[in-house]
Amino acid sequence: MLLAGASLIREAAVGWLVPAEEAWRTMLARRMTGTTTPTDITLVEIDADTLNKHVWPWKAEDFAVFLASCLPSSPSGKPYEPAVIGIEPPLDFVRGALAGHDGDPDAEDESEAAKTEGPPADSKDPEVHALQDLMRRTPKLVLGGKLGWSREDDRVQPMVPMPVLNNIHGDTRRLSEYTVVDLWTAKSLRLAPPGWINFPDAPGPRGLCPLVVRYRGQPVPTFPLQVAMMWAKATVDDVEVTLGDSIVIGGKVRVPIDDAGNMQVNFGVPTSRLAYDDLLVARYQIDNGNPSVYPPAFFDKKVLILARTDDASRTLEPPVGPKISPGEMVACAVATIQANAHPDRIGSWFDWMLVGLTAVASFWLPRWKTGWMAALVVVCDVAYFVGALSLFHMRMIALPAVLPLGLALWMLLLRFFTKRMQRVIAF
């Protein structure tokens, strides 16, 4: 029993049983999240229906319309006054979301595509000028981008300035390392801090969202952390990172992380969602004094995230369910931080205690009848999982699922073979 328990603990942590344990924790989060704390986030979706009306890639005008629909129409702050606005699609003139413009030769995007000859996209373009004005009016704005690796190791790449987390403790070598800015907004539109969307799109470990990564050896915040910092009214100097423990934002918001800078996302925390066109219609109705399905409270003092959610953008694999887009991962991560609904796995001491108790109980295997033992195992497992559901609902603490099931099955197999061995010995 001790050897079987040790094997189950290892396989559930780093072996082939990891997906089963991840699926169990995700099911707990989706079904048993007991938090009543409301989340202040609204995901504005660029879905398939939106792209049928607004063909991708978008122009600067489309993003200007979005910002105009989110910002106050007067200095008094009516009708909307969002806390933070995040734009997940990179505003890149060559490979990103913006279309209809030539490349910006002065944009230090570290990509061959960014060197296309042509006039820079500056304020002479009316659409870009309008977008720049709206970005300057946005008090708290985060612009999406993606880091990458240099394809020319022998070439010195230009250094792009960005916010750096200085108050960090632990071994930063475990953080994901990047050497170039692969995709970001055009240089003329870099009027807000970047939010790096570097999420693993391959299976395992799933359900984890990076909050801190390394750029040229410097720890920098990703998109969810940058949004959370602005939502908490904190700067990079107000953030303390302890790898393997937590990130403390402004001394009041604590986010548990592992030693690689990842947080566990609670996919059960609810988030508000609406389509891009619904936002435009709601703003038009409110401006004209008409009743709207989405009242101002749906957007006021909220974190608004504009993100693609069409099938082509769904590249991330959660532990359970269909793929999701990076924007949806950002929304779930920020909602988890806002609600303080961080799933927490109980310590390894519980696993070894469970294995020890089962090993002690196994001394009585030869004396138990098979039928009674099977009934007892079923009753114990049912009671265990009812307790696990209740504990997660009340305290957000997840008990293991693979270990008790594996131990119960192993006990039944031992009882069966013990009975056979007794018959063989008696014969």
Foldseek 3Di string as FASTA:
>chain_A
DLVLLVVLVVCCVPNPVVLVQQVVLQVLLQPQAQFPFAAFEEEAACAPVNCVVQPWLHALQLVLLLLVLAFAPDPVGPPADELAEEEAWAAADFPTRHDDAFAACPFQQLDPRNNTDDHHDACVPVSVVSSLVSLVVRPHYEYEFAFAAHPDPVDDGDDDDADFQDQEDDDQVLAAEGEGGNTHHGPNNPPHGYAYLDDDLDPPPAQKGAQWHHYVRTIDGHNLNSLLLSLVVAGSPCWHHYAQAWIQHNNPFTFGHHNHRIAGFSPNQDHHYDYSVLSSVQSVCVVVVHDHPQGNVSRHHGYYYYDYFYPVQQRHDHSDDDGTHSSVVSRRRNSCRSSVLGAAEDDCVVSVVVVVVLVVVLVCLQVDDLVVLLVVLVVVLVVVVVVQSVCCSVPNYHYGDSSSVSSSVVSSVVSVVSVVVVVVVVD
